[in-house]
Amino acid sequence: MNLNPSSNKVIILILSFVMLFVSMTVQARDSLEALRTDLNTETTSRTNADTAISNQVSAESTARINSDTSIQNQITTINQQFPRRHYVGERYAGGIIFYVDDDGQHGLIAALVDQSDGI
């Protein structure tokens, strides 16, 4: 096959574009791979940081619950050792005590205001 000089130029131009396109495609692929690697690294880093924060919050919450339980147990012990004795005329639970049983733990309370406007 015998090609004229202008055909050779067109073929050279087409080959140049193909090589440029292949080169740009390889660069784009490499750039995308680098971005993917950076994204995976950042995602892993953030996941690890989130896990560390979650573990810290969980540990602090557990410590607080244990502390609250300990305090509540101490209050219960004190209340059992020194039970509160109520008395007639004491303001309690939004009213005034008007009857107390013999141990001073149970009784009846009258409200300070009427519970309805009328009957």
PDB file of N, CA and C in Angstrom:
ATOM      1  N   MET A   1       0.846  -1.151   0.000  1.00  0.00           N
ATOM      2  CA  MET A   1       0.000   0.000   0.000  1.00  0.00           C
ATOM      3  C   MET A   1       0.900   1.224   0.000  1.00  0.00           C
ATOM      4  N   ASN A   2       0.565   2.106  -0.875  1.00  0.00           N
ATOM      5  CA  ASN A   2       1.374   3.300  -1.041  1.00  0.00           C
ATOM      6  C   ASN A   2       0.545   4.500  -0.586  1.00  0.00           C
ATOM      7  N   LEU A   3       1.042   5.205   0.449  1.00  0.00           N
ATOM      8  CA  LEU A   3       0.305   6.337   0.996  1.00  0.00           C
ATOM      9  C   LEU A   3       0.975   7.630   0.591  1.00  0.00           C
ATOM     10  N   ASN A   4       0.171   8.617   0.382  1.00  0.00           N
ATOM     11  CA  ASN A   4       0.738   9.916   0.028  1.00  0.00           C
ATOM     12  C   ASN A   4       1.136  10.644   1.315  1.00  0.00           C
ATOM     13  N   PRO A   5       1.930  11.715   1.183  1.00  0.00           N
ATOM     14  CA  PRO A   5       2.438  12.408   2.365  1.00  0.00           C
ATOM     15  C   PRO A   5       1.336  12.965   3.252  1.00  0.00           C
ATOM     16  N   SER A   6       0.218  13.428   2.704  1.00  0.00           N
ATOM     17  CA  SER A   6      -0.836  13.978   3.571  1.00  0.00           C
ATOM     18  C   SER A   6      -1.504  12.858   4.361  1.00  0.00           C
ATOM     19  N   SER A   7      -1.609  11.656   3.811  1.00  0.00           N
ATOM     20  CA  SER A   7      -2.166  10.513   4.540  1.00  0.00           C
ATOM     21  C   SER A   7      -1.259  10.148   5.701  1.00  0.00           C
ATOM     22  N   ASN A   8       0.043  10.210   5.474  1.00  0.00           N
ATOM     23  CA  ASN A   8       1.010   9.916   6.537  1.00  0.00           C
ATOM     24  C   ASN A   8       0.840  10.910   7.685  1.00  0.00           C
ATOM     25  N   LYS A   9       0.615  12.168   7.332  1.00  0.00           N
ATOM     26  CA  LYS A   9       0.434  13.187   8.371  1.00  0.00           C
ATOM     27  C   LYS A   9      -0.832  12.909   9.182  1.00  0.00           C
ATOM     28  N   VAL A  10      -1.907  12.515   8.513  1.00  0.00           N
ATOM     29  CA  VAL A  10      -3.165  12.207   9.205  1.00  0.00           C
ATOM     30  C   VAL A  10      -2.969  11.008  10.129  1.00  0.00           C
ATOM     31  N   ILE A  11      -2.275   9.997   9.647  1.00  0.00           N
ATOM     32  CA  ILE A  11      -2.022   8.800  10.469  1.00  0.00           C
ATOM     33  C   ILE A  11      -1.167   9.171  11.669  1.00  0.00           C
ATOM     34  N   ILE A  12      -0.162   9.983  11.469  1.00  0.00           N
ATOM     35  CA  ILE A  12       0.698  10.422  12.574  1.00  0.00           C
ATOM     36  C   ILE A  12      -0.110  11.239  13.574  1.00  0.00           C
ATOM     37  N   LEU A  13      -0.980  12.107  13.065  1.00  0.00           N
ATOM     38  CA  LEU A  13      -1.820  12.922  13.943  1.00  0.00           C
ATOM     39  C   LEU A  13      -2.770  12.030  14.749  1.00  0.00           C
ATOM     40  N   ILE A  14      -3.388  11.056  14.112  1.00  0.00           N
ATOM     41  CA  ILE A  14      -4.304  10.139  14.808  1.00  0.00           C
ATOM     42  C   ILE A  14      -3.541   9.336  15.859  1.00  0.00           C
ATOM     43  N   LEU A  15      -2.372   8.835  15.515  1.00  0.00           N
ATOM     44  CA  LEU A  15      -1.567   8.073  16.479  1.00  0.00           C
ATOM     45  C   LEU A  15      -1.143   8.944  17.663  1.00  0.00           C
ATOM     46  N   SER A  16      -0.843  10.202  17.383  1.00  0.00           N
ATOM     47  CA  SER A  16      -0.469  11.135  18.458  1.00  0.00           C
ATOM     48  C   SER A  16      -1.644  11.333  19.426  1.00  0.00           C
ATOM     49  N   PHE A  17      -2.847  11.515  18.847  1.00  0.00           N
ATOM     50  CA  PHE A  17      -4.025  11.665  19.705  1.00  0.00           C
ATOM     51  C   PHE A  17      -4.293  10.394  20.516  1.00  0.00           C
ATOM     52  N   VAL A  18      -4.150   9.250  19.904  1.00  0.00           N
ATOM     53  CA  VAL A  18      -4.371   7.982  20.608  1.00  0.00           C
ATOM     54  C   VAL A  18      -3.379   7.839  21.743  1.00  0.00           C
ATOM     55  N   MET A  19      -2.127   8.125  21.503  1.00  0.00           N
ATOM     56  CA  MET A  19      -1.099   8.003  22.543  1.00  0.00           C
ATOM     57  C   MET A  19      -1.346   9.027  23.663  1.00  0.00           C
ATOM     58  N   LEU A  20      -1.763  10.233  23.280  1.00  0.00           N
ATOM     59  CA  LEU A  20      -2.073  11.247  24.283  1.00  0.00           C
ATOM     60  C   LEU A  20      -3.269  10.812  25.125  1.00  0.00           C
ATOM     61  N   PHE A  21      -4.292  10.267  24.460  1.00  0.00           N
ATOM     62  CA  PHE A  21      -5.479   9.800  25.168  1.00  0.00           C
ATOM     63  C   PHE A  21      -5.131   8.657  26.120  1.00  0.00           C
ATOM     64  N   VAL A  22      -4.345   7.712  25.681  1.00  0.00           N
ATOM     65  CA  VAL A  22      -3.921   6.587  26.528  1.00  0.00           C
ATOM     66  C   VAL A  22      -3.117   7.112  27.707  1.00  0.00           C
ATOM     67  N   SER A  23      -2.241   8.049  27.453  1.00  0.00           N
ATOM     68  CA  SER A  23      -1.431   8.629  28.526  1.00  0.00           C
ATOM     69  C   SER A  23      -2.321   9.337  29.551  1.00  0.00           C
ATOM     70  N   MET A  24      -3.306  10.102  29.054  1.00  0.00           N
ATOM     71  CA  MET A  24      -4.205  10.809  29.971  1.00  0.00           C
ATOM     72  C   MET A  24      -5.072   9.820  30.742  1.00  0.00           C
ATOM     73  N   THR A  25      -5.475   8.729  30.094  1.00  0.00           N
ATOM     74  CA  THR A  25      -6.282   7.710  30.766  1.00  0.00           C
ATOM     75  C   THR A  25      -5.476   7.043  31.883  1.00  0.00           C
ATOM     76  N   VAL A  26      -4.235   6.758  31.649  1.00  0.00           N
ATOM     77  CA  VAL A  26      -3.369   6.153  32.664  1.00  0.00           C
ATOM     78  C   VAL A  26      -3.177   7.127  33.820  1.00  0.00           C
ATOM     79  N   GLN A  27      -2.964   8.401  33.517  1.00  0.00           N
ATOM     80  CA  GLN A  27      -2.803   9.399  34.581  1.00  0.00           C
ATOM     81  C   GLN A  27      -4.083   9.539  35.395  1.00  0.00           C
ATOM     82  N   ALA A  28      -5.221   9.541  34.711  1.00  0.00           N
ATOM     83  CA  ALA A  28      -6.504   9.643  35.412  1.00  0.00           C
ATOM     84  C   ALA A  28      -6.717   8.427  36.310  1.00  0.00           C
ATOM     85  N   ARG A  29      -6.395   7.239  35.800  1.00  0.00           N
ATOM     86  CA  ARG A  29      -6.533   6.026  36.611  1.00  0.00           C
ATOM     87  C   ARG A  29      -5.637   6.093  37.846  1.00  0.00           C
ATOM     88  N   ASP A  30      -4.391   6.533  37.655  1.00  0.00           N
ATOM     89  CA  ASP A  30      -3.465   6.645  38.778  1.00  0.00           C
ATOM     90  C   ASP A  30      -3.948   7.680  39.793  1.00  0.00           C
ATOM     91  N   SER A  31      -4.499   8.786  39.300  1.00  0.00           N
ATOM     92  CA  SER A  31      -5.034   9.810  40.202  1.00  0.00           C
ATOM     93  C   SER A  31      -6.217   9.274  40.989  1.00  0.00           C
ATOM     94  N   LEU A  32      -7.097   8.540  40.313  1.00  0.00           N
ATOM     95  CA  LEU A  32      -8.249   7.959  40.999  1.00  0.00           C
ATOM     96  C   LEU A  32      -7.814   6.937  42.047  1.00  0.00           C
ATOM     97  N   GLU A  33      -6.816   6.145  41.730  1.00  0.00           N
ATOM     98  CA  GLU A  33      -6.301   5.174  42.700  1.00  0.00           C
ATOM     99  C   GLU A  33      -5.706   5.878  43.913  1.00  0.00           C
ATOM    100  N   ALA A  34      -4.986   6.972  43.671  1.00  0.00           N
ATOM    101  CA  ALA A  34      -4.410   7.740  44.785  1.00  0.00           C
ATOM    102  C   ALA A  34      -5.518   8.341  45.646  1.00  0.00           C
ATOM    103  N   LEU A  35      -6.564   8.878  45.009  1.00  0.00           N
ATOM    104  CA  LEU A  35      -7.698   9.423  45.765  1.00  0.00           C
ATOM    105  C   LEU A  35      -8.408   8.333  46.560  1.00  0.00           C
ATOM    106  N   ARG A  36      -8.576   7.172  45.951  1.00  0.00           N
ATOM    107  CA  ARG A  36      -9.227   6.056  46.638  1.00  0.00           C
ATOM    108  C   ARG A  36      -8.406   5.635  47.857  1.00  0.00           C
ATOM    109  N   THR A  37      -7.103   5.568  47.712  1.00  0.00           N
ATOM    110  CA  THR A  37      -6.224   5.212  48.823  1.00  0.00           C
ATOM    111  C   THR A  37      -6.317   6.252  49.938  1.00  0.00           C
ATOM    112  N   ASP A  38      -6.280   7.536  49.556  1.00  0.00           N
ATOM    113  CA  ASP A  38      -6.400   8.612  50.554  1.00  0.00           C
ATOM    114  C   ASP A  38      -7.744   8.532  51.278  1.00  0.00           C
ATOM    115  N   LEU A  39      -8.811   8.283  50.535  1.00  0.00           N
ATOM    116  CA  LEU A  39     -10.145   8.192  51.127  1.00  0.00           C
ATOM    117  C   LEU A  39     -10.235   7.004  52.083  1.00  0.00           C
ATOM    118  N   ASN A  40      -9.695   5.869  51.681  1.00  0.00           N
ATOM    119  CA  ASN A  40      -9.706   4.693  52.561  1.00  0.00           C
ATOM    120  C   ASN A  40      -8.904   4.948  53.827  1.00  0.00           C
ATOM    121  N   THR A  41      -7.765   5.620  53.693  1.00  0.00           N
ATOM    122  CA  THR A  41      -6.942   5.940  54.862  1.00  0.00           C
ATOM    123  C   THR A  41      -7.693   6.877  55.797  1.00  0.00           C
ATOM    124  N   GLU A  42      -8.323   7.907  55.251  1.00  0.00           N
ATOM    125  CA  GLU A  42      -9.077   8.870  56.064  1.00  0.00           C
ATOM    126  C   GLU A  42     -10.270   8.197  56.734  1.00  0.00           C
ATOM    127  N   THR A  43     -10.976   7.349  55.978  1.00  0.00           N
ATOM    128  CA  THR A  43     -12.124   6.633  56.540  1.00  0.00           C
ATOM    129  C   THR A  43     -11.696   5.734  57.697  1.00  0.00           C
ATOM    130  N   THR A  44     -10.597   5.022  57.521  1.00  0.00           N
ATOM    131  CA  THR A  44     -10.079   4.158  58.589  1.00  0.00           C
ATOM    132  C   THR A  44      -9.680   4.983  59.797  1.00  0.00           C
ATOM    133  N   SER A  45      -9.033   6.106  59.564  1.00  0.00           N
ATOM    134  CA  SER A  45      -8.613   6.983  60.652  1.00  0.00           C
ATOM    135  C   SER A  45      -9.815   7.503  61.424  1.00  0.00           C
ATOM    136  N   ARG A  46     -10.838   7.952  60.706  1.00  0.00           N
ATOM    137  CA  ARG A  46     -12.040   8.466  61.377  1.00  0.00           C
ATOM    138  C   ARG A  46     -12.788   7.361  62.111  1.00  0.00           C
ATOM    139  N   THR A  47     -12.847   6.185  61.515  1.00  0.00           N
ATOM    140  CA  THR A  47     -13.505   5.058  62.175  1.00  0.00           C
ATOM    141  C   THR A  47     -12.788   4.718  63.478  1.00  0.00           C
ATOM    142  N   ASN A  48     -11.461   4.712  63.440  1.00  0.00           N
ATOM    143  CA  ASN A  48     -10.693   4.426  64.654  1.00  0.00           C
ATOM    144  C   ASN A  48     -10.921   5.501  65.711  1.00  0.00           C
ATOM    145  N   ALA A  49     -10.973   6.764  65.288  1.00  0.00           N
ATOM    146  CA  ALA A  49     -11.217   7.860  66.230  1.00  0.00           C
ATOM    147  C   ALA A  49     -12.617   7.747  66.823  1.00  0.00           C
ATOM    148  N   ASP A  50     -13.614   7.440  65.986  1.00  0.00           N
ATOM    149  CA  ASP A  50     -14.985   7.269  66.476  1.00  0.00           C
ATOM    150  C   ASP A  50     -15.072   6.117  67.474  1.00  0.00           C
ATOM    151  N   THR A  51     -14.383   5.028  67.183  1.00  0.00           N
ATOM    152  CA  THR A  51     -14.379   3.876  68.087  1.00  0.00           C
ATOM    153  C   THR A  51     -13.736   4.241  69.417  1.00  0.00           C
ATOM    154  N   ALA A  52     -12.645   4.976  69.371  1.00  0.00           N
ATOM    155  CA  ALA A  52     -11.964   5.387  70.604  1.00  0.00           C
ATOM    156  C   ALA A  52     -12.868   6.290  71.438  1.00  0.00           C
ATOM    157  N   ILE A  53     -13.537   7.234  70.796  1.00  0.00           N
ATOM    158  CA  ILE A  53     -14.447   8.132  71.521  1.00  0.00           C
ATOM    159  C   ILE A  53     -15.610   7.340  72.101  1.00  0.00           C
ATOM    160  N   SER A  54     -16.163   6.437  71.325  1.00  0.00           N
ATOM    161  CA  SER A  54     -17.276   5.613  71.794  1.00  0.00           C
ATOM    162  C   SER A  54     -16.861   4.774  72.998  1.00  0.00           C
ATOM    163  N   ASN A  55     -15.675   4.197  72.954  1.00  0.00           N
ATOM    164  CA  ASN A  55     -15.182   3.400  74.081  1.00  0.00           C
ATOM    165  C   ASN A  55     -14.988   4.267  75.317  1.00  0.00           C
ATOM    166  N   GLN A  56     -14.478   5.476  75.124  1.00  0.00           N
ATOM    167  CA  GLN A  56     -14.266   6.380  76.250  1.00  0.00           C
ATOM    168  C   GLN A  56     -15.607   6.781  76.876  1.00  0.00           C
ATOM    169  N   VAL A  57     -16.581   7.124  76.038  1.00  0.00           N
ATOM    170  CA  VAL A  57     -17.902   7.497  76.545  1.00  0.00           C
ATOM    171  C   VAL A  57     -18.531   6.318  77.281  1.00  0.00           C
ATOM    172  N   SER A  58     -18.388   5.128  76.726  1.00  0.00           N
ATOM    173  CA  SER A  58     -18.943   3.937  77.364  1.00  0.00           C
ATOM    174  C   SER A  58     -18.290   3.691  78.723  1.00  0.00           C
ATOM    175  N   ALA A  59     -16.968   3.853  78.796  1.00  0.00           N
ATOM    176  CA  ALA A  59     -16.259   3.651  80.067  1.00  0.00           C
ATOM    177  C   ALA A  59     -16.686   4.694  81.099  1.00  0.00           C
ATOM    178  N   GLU A  60     -16.818   5.954  80.674  1.00  0.00           N
ATOM    179  CA  GLU A  60     -17.248   7.006  81.592  1.00  0.00           C
ATOM    180  C   GLU A  60     -18.687   6.780  82.050  1.00  0.00           C
ATOM    181  N   SER A  61     -19.540   6.325  81.138  1.00  0.00           N
ATOM    182  CA  SER A  61     -20.931   6.044  81.490  1.00  0.00           C
ATOM    183  C   SER A  61     -21.008   4.899  82.496  1.00  0.00           C
ATOM    184  N   THR A  62     -20.230   3.857  82.276  1.00  0.00           N
ATOM    185  CA  THR A  62     -20.203   2.729  83.207  1.00  0.00           C
ATOM    186  C   THR A  62     -19.702   3.170  84.575  1.00  0.00           C
ATOM    187  N   ALA A  63     -18.665   3.995  84.598  1.00  0.00           N
ATOM    188  CA  ALA A  63     -18.128   4.494  85.867  1.00  0.00           C
ATOM    189  C   ALA A  63     -19.180   5.328  86.595  1.00  0.00           C
ATOM    190  N   ARG A  64     -19.908   6.158  85.856  1.00  0.00           N
ATOM    191  CA  ARG A  64     -20.943   6.999  86.466  1.00  0.00           C
ATOM    192  C   ARG A  64     -22.079   6.141  87.011  1.00  0.00           C
ATOM    193  N   ILE A  65     -22.482   5.132  86.256  1.00  0.00           N
ATOM    194  CA  ILE A  65     -23.549   4.238  86.714  1.00  0.00           C
ATOM    195  C   ILE A  65     -23.111   3.511  87.988  1.00  0.00           C
ATOM    196  N   ASN A  66     -21.870   3.026  88.001  1.00  0.00           N
ATOM    197  CA  ASN A  66     -21.362   2.344  89.190  1.00  0.00           C
ATOM    198  C   ASN A  66     -21.322   3.290  90.382  1.00  0.00           C
ATOM    199  N   SER A  67     -20.904   4.525  90.143  1.00  0.00           N
ATOM    200  CA  SER A  67     -20.851   5.515  91.214  1.00  0.00           C
ATOM    201  C   SER A  67     -22.255   5.822  91.726  1.00  0.00           C
ATOM    202  N   ASP A  68     -23.211   6.025  90.801  1.00  0.00           N
ATOM    203  CA  ASP A  68     -24.595   6.308  91.191  1.00  0.00           C
ATOM    204  C   ASP A  68     -25.182   5.142  91.974  1.00  0.00           C
ATOM    205  N   THR A  69     -24.888   3.921  91.539  1.00  0.00           N
ATOM    206  CA  THR A  69     -25.382   2.735  92.238  1.00  0.00           C
ATOM    207  C   THR A  69     -24.803   2.663  93.639  1.00  0.00           C
ATOM    208  N   SER A  70     -23.530   2.970  93.769  1.00  0.00           N
ATOM    209  CA  SER A  70     -22.880   2.957  95.079  1.00  0.00           C
ATOM    210  C   SER A  70     -23.511   3.991  96.010  1.00  0.00           C
ATOM    211  N   ILE A  71     -23.740   5.181  95.488  1.00  0.00           N
ATOM    212  CA  ILE A  71     -24.359   6.242  96.295  1.00  0.00           C
ATOM    213  C   ILE A  71     -25.775   5.837  96.690  1.00  0.00           C
ATOM    214  N   GLN A  72     -26.540   5.287  95.744  1.00  0.00           N
ATOM    215  CA  GLN A  72     -27.908   4.863  96.049  1.00  0.00           C
ATOM    216  C   GLN A  72     -27.902   3.765  97.110  1.00  0.00           C
ATOM    217  N   ASN A  73     -26.943   2.847  97.030  1.00  0.00           N
ATOM    218  CA  ASN A  73     -26.840   1.790  98.045  1.00  0.00           C
ATOM    219  C   ASN A  73     -26.541   2.387  99.421  1.00  0.00           C
ATOM    220  N   GLN A  74     -25.685   3.392  99.476  1.00  0.00           N
ATOM    221  CA  GLN A  74     -25.379   4.048 100.749  1.00  0.00           C
ATOM    222  C   GLN A  74     -26.609   4.754 101.309  1.00  0.00           C
ATOM    223  N   ILE A  75     -27.368   5.424 100.453  1.00  0.00           N
ATOM    224  CA  ILE A  75     -28.592   6.103 100.895  1.00  0.00           C
ATOM    225  C   ILE A  75     -29.595   5.083 101.427  1.00  0.00           C
ATOM    226  N   THR A  76     -29.751   3.972 100.716  1.00  0.00           N
ATOM    227  CA  THR A  76     -30.673   2.925 101.155  1.00  0.00           C
ATOM    228  C   THR A  76     -30.266   2.383 102.515  1.00  0.00           C
ATOM    229  N   THR A  77     -28.966   2.149 102.698  1.00  0.00           N
ATOM    230  CA  THR A  77     -28.465   1.653 103.980  1.00  0.00           C
ATOM    231  C   THR A  77     -28.762   2.639 105.101  1.00  0.00           C
ATOM    232  N   ILE A  78     -28.516   3.911 104.876  1.00  0.00           N
ATOM    233  CA  ILE A  78     -28.790   4.944 105.886  1.00  0.00           C
ATOM    234  C   ILE A  78     -30.277   5.007 106.192  1.00  0.00           C
ATOM    235  N   ASN A  79     -31.115   4.946 105.157  1.00  0.00           N
ATOM    236  CA  ASN A  79     -32.566   4.992 105.367  1.00  0.00           C
ATOM    237  C   ASN A  79     -33.054   3.778 106.146  1.00  0.00           C
ATOM    238  N   GLN A  80     -32.418   2.623 105.928  1.00  0.00           N
ATOM    239  CA  GLN A  80     -32.810   1.428 106.672  1.00  0.00           C
ATOM    240  C   GLN A  80     -32.359   1.514 108.129  1.00  0.00           C
ATOM    241  N   GLN A  81     -31.191   2.091 108.354  1.00  0.00           N
ATOM    242  CA  GLN A  81     -30.672   2.204 109.724  1.00  0.00           C
ATOM    243  C   GLN A  81     -31.418   3.287 110.506  1.00  0.00           C
ATOM    244  N   PHE A  82     -31.796   4.329 109.842  1.00  0.00           N
ATOM    245  CA  PHE A  82     -32.469   5.457 110.492  1.00  0.00           C
ATOM    246  C   PHE A  82     -33.746   5.800 109.725  1.00  0.00           C
ATOM    247  N   PRO A  83     -34.778   4.967 109.890  1.00  0.00           N
ATOM    248  CA  PRO A  83     -36.005   5.228 109.126  1.00  0.00           C
ATOM    249  C   PRO A  83     -36.635   6.554 109.545  1.00  0.00           C
ATOM    250  N   ARG A  84     -37.177   7.229 108.574  1.00  0.00           N
ATOM    251  CA  ARG A  84     -37.823   8.521 108.841  1.00  0.00           C
ATOM    252  C   ARG A  84     -39.187   8.281 109.467  1.00  0.00           C
ATOM    253  N   ARG A  85     -39.435   8.959 110.548  1.00  0.00           N
ATOM    254  CA  ARG A  85     -40.731   8.865 111.218  1.00  0.00           C
ATOM    255  C   ARG A  85     -41.503  10.150 110.933  1.00  0.00           C
ATOM    256  N   HIS A  86     -42.661   9.962 110.345  1.00  0.00           N
ATOM    257  CA  HIS A  86     -43.514  11.109 110.032  1.00  0.00           C
ATOM    258  C   HIS A  86     -44.417  11.411 111.222  1.00  0.00           C
ATOM    259  N   TYR A  87     -44.976  12.618 111.265  1.00  0.00           N
ATOM    260  CA  TYR A  87     -45.823  13.023 112.387  1.00  0.00           C
ATOM    261  C   TYR A  87     -47.004  13.845 111.873  1.00  0.00           C
ATOM    262  N   VAL A  88     -48.052  13.850 112.650  1.00  0.00           N
ATOM    263  CA  VAL A  88     -49.257  14.602 112.293  1.00  0.00           C
ATOM    264  C   VAL A  88     -48.901  16.091 112.246  1.00  0.00           C
ATOM    265  N   GLY A  89     -49.336  16.751 111.166  1.00  0.00           N
ATOM    266  CA  GLY A  89     -49.071  18.172 110.994  1.00  0.00           C
ATOM    267  C   GLY A  89     -47.860  18.451 110.103  1.00  0.00           C
ATOM    268  N   GLU A  90     -47.097  17.406 109.778  1.00  0.00           N
ATOM    269  CA  GLU A  90     -45.910  17.572 108.914  1.00  0.00           C
ATOM    270  C   GLU A  90     -46.354  17.823 107.465  1.00  0.00           C
ATOM    271  N   ARG A  91     -45.685  18.787 106.831  1.00  0.00           N
ATOM    272  CA  ARG A  91     -45.920  18.995 105.392  1.00  0.00           C
ATOM    273  C   ARG A  91     -45.118  17.943 104.651  1.00  0.00           C
ATOM    274  N   TYR A  92     -45.817  17.188 103.799  1.00  0.00           N
ATOM    275  CA  TYR A  92     -45.157  16.091 103.094  1.00  0.00           C
ATOM    276  C   TYR A  92     -45.919  15.794 101.810  1.00  0.00           C
ATOM    277  N   ALA A  93     -45.197  15.598 100.732  1.00  0.00           N
ATOM    278  CA  ALA A  93     -45.757  15.197  99.431  1.00  0.00           C
ATOM    279  C   ALA A  93     -46.872  16.130  98.962  1.00  0.00           C
ATOM    280  N   GLY A  94     -46.725  17.417  99.214  1.00  0.00           N
ATOM    281  CA  GLY A  94     -47.683  18.391  98.710  1.00  0.00           C
ATOM    282  C   GLY A  94     -48.923  18.553  99.577  1.00  0.00           C
ATOM    283  N   GLY A  95     -48.874  18.015 100.788  1.00  0.00           N
ATOM    284  CA  GLY A  95     -50.030  18.146 101.672  1.00  0.00           C
ATOM    285  C   GLY A  95     -49.585  18.155 103.133  1.00  0.00           C
ATOM    286  N   ILE A  96     -50.556  17.923 104.026  1.00  0.00           N
ATOM    287  CA  ILE A  96     -50.257  17.883 105.462  1.00  0.00           C
ATOM    288  C   ILE A  96     -50.710  16.529 105.993  1.00  0.00           C
ATOM    289  N   ILE A  97     -49.804  15.869 106.738  1.00  0.00           N
ATOM    290  CA  ILE A  97     -50.127  14.563 107.305  1.00  0.00           C
ATOM    291  C   ILE A  97     -51.156  14.764 108.417  1.00  0.00           C
ATOM    292  N   PHE A  98     -52.271  13.985 108.329  1.00  0.00           N
ATOM    293  CA  PHE A  98     -53.290  14.075 109.385  1.00  0.00           C
ATOM    294  C   PHE A  98     -53.465  12.757 110.133  1.00  0.00           C
ATOM    295  N   TYR A  99     -52.797  11.661 109.659  1.00  0.00           N
ATOM    296  CA  TYR A  99     -52.831  10.387 110.375  1.00  0.00           C
ATOM    297  C   TYR A  99     -51.520   9.661 110.112  1.00  0.00           C
ATOM    298  N   VAL A 100     -50.924   9.066 111.180  1.00  0.00           N
ATOM    299  CA  VAL A 100     -49.716   8.255 111.060  1.00  0.00           C
ATOM    300  C   VAL A 100     -49.913   6.991 111.879  1.00  0.00           C
ATOM    301  N   ASP A 101     -49.498   5.820 111.304  1.00  0.00           N
ATOM    302  CA  ASP A 101     -49.615   4.578 112.072  1.00  0.00           C
ATOM    303  C   ASP A 101     -48.534   4.518 113.150  1.00  0.00           C
ATOM    304  N   ASP A 102     -48.500   3.437 113.900  1.00  0.00           N
ATOM    305  CA  ASP A 102     -47.621   3.340 115.068  1.00  0.00           C
ATOM    306  C   ASP A 102     -46.128   3.418 114.728  1.00  0.00           C
ATOM    307  N   ASP A 103     -45.711   2.884 113.567  1.00  0.00           N
ATOM    308  CA  ASP A 103     -44.269   2.921 113.245  1.00  0.00           C
ATOM    309  C   ASP A 103     -43.845   4.230 112.584  1.00  0.00           C
ATOM    310  N   GLY A 104     -44.778   5.107 112.292  1.00  0.00           N
ATOM    311  CA  GLY A 104     -44.457   6.414 111.718  1.00  0.00           C
ATOM    312  C   GLY A 104     -44.074   6.366 110.251  1.00  0.00           C
ATOM    313  N   GLN A 105     -44.287   5.229 109.627  1.00  0.00           N
ATOM    314  CA  GLN A 105     -43.895   5.069 108.223  1.00  0.00           C
ATOM    315  C   GLN A 105     -45.065   5.205 107.245  1.00  0.00           C
ATOM    316  N   HIS A 106     -46.275   5.005 107.731  1.00  0.00           N
ATOM    317  CA  HIS A 106     -47.433   5.033 106.840  1.00  0.00           C
ATOM    318  C   HIS A 106     -48.498   5.931 107.440  1.00  0.00           C
ATOM    319  N   GLY A 107     -49.260   6.553 106.581  1.00  0.00           N
ATOM    320  CA  GLY A 107     -50.309   7.418 107.086  1.00  0.00           C
ATOM    321  C   GLY A 107     -51.133   8.000 105.961  1.00  0.00           C
ATOM    322  N   LEU A 108     -51.857   9.085 106.284  1.00  0.00           N
ATOM    323  CA  LEU A 108     -52.723   9.748 105.311  1.00  0.00           C
ATOM    324  C   LEU A 108     -52.347  11.223 105.229  1.00  0.00           C
ATOM    325  N   ILE A 109     -52.506  11.777 104.031  1.00  0.00           N
ATOM    326  CA  ILE A 109     -52.125  13.171 103.781  1.00  0.00           C
ATOM    327  C   ILE A 109     -53.323  13.901 103.218  1.00  0.00           C
ATOM    328  N   ALA A 110     -53.583  15.083 103.736  1.00  0.00           N
ATOM    329  CA  ALA A 110     -54.644  15.940 103.200  1.00  0.00           C
ATOM    330  C   ALA A 110     -54.013  16.952 102.255  1.00  0.00           C
ATOM    331  N   ALA A 111     -54.663  17.152 101.097  1.00  0.00           N
ATOM    332  CA  ALA A 111     -54.159  18.120 100.123  1.00  0.00           C
ATOM    333  C   ALA A 111     -54.317  19.534 100.678  1.00  0.00           C
ATOM    334  N   LEU A 112     -53.444  20.445 100.226  1.00  0.00           N
ATOM    335  CA  LEU A 112     -53.510  21.835 100.665  1.00  0.00           C
ATOM    336  C   LEU A 112     -54.625  22.612  99.966  1.00  0.00           C
ATOM    337  N   VAL A 113     -55.017  22.151  98.764  1.00  0.00           N
ATOM    338  CA  VAL A 113     -56.092  22.798  98.022  1.00  0.00           C
ATOM    339  C   VAL A 113     -57.068  21.725  97.539  1.00  0.00           C
ATOM    340  N   ASP A 114     -58.311  22.127  97.310  1.00  0.00           N
ATOM    341  CA  ASP A 114     -59.298  21.188  96.791  1.00  0.00           C
ATOM    342  C   ASP A 114     -58.859  20.649  95.442  1.00  0.00           C
ATOM    343  N   GLN A 115     -59.194  19.395  95.184  1.00  0.00           N
ATOM    344  CA  GLN A 115     -58.803  18.746  93.938  1.00  0.00           C
ATOM    345  C   GLN A 115     -59.767  19.033  92.794  1.00  0.00           C
ATOM    346  N   SER A 116     -60.939  19.604  93.094  1.00  0.00           N
ATOM    347  CA  SER A 116     -61.904  19.953  92.044  1.00  0.00           C
ATOM    348  C   SER A 116     -62.603  21.244  92.435  1.00  0.00           C
ATOM    349  N   ASP A 117     -63.302  21.847  91.474  1.00  0.00           N
ATOM    350  CA  ASP A 117     -64.007  23.103  91.711  1.00  0.00           C
ATOM    351  C   ASP A 117     -65.338  22.895  92.416  1.00  0.00           C
ATOM    352  N   GLY A 118     -65.882  21.728  92.331  1.00  0.00           N
ATOM    353  CA  GLY A 118     -67.153  21.464  92.977  1.00  0.00           C
ATOM    354  C   GLY A 118     -67.632  20.062  92.674  1.00  0.00           C
ATOM    355  N   ILE A 119     -68.634  19.679  93.421  1.00  0.00           N
ATOM    356  CA  ILE A 119     -69.164  18.322  93.210  1.00  0.00           C
ATOM    357  C   ILE A 119     -70.543  18.424  92.607  1.00  0.00           C
TER     358      ILE A 119
END
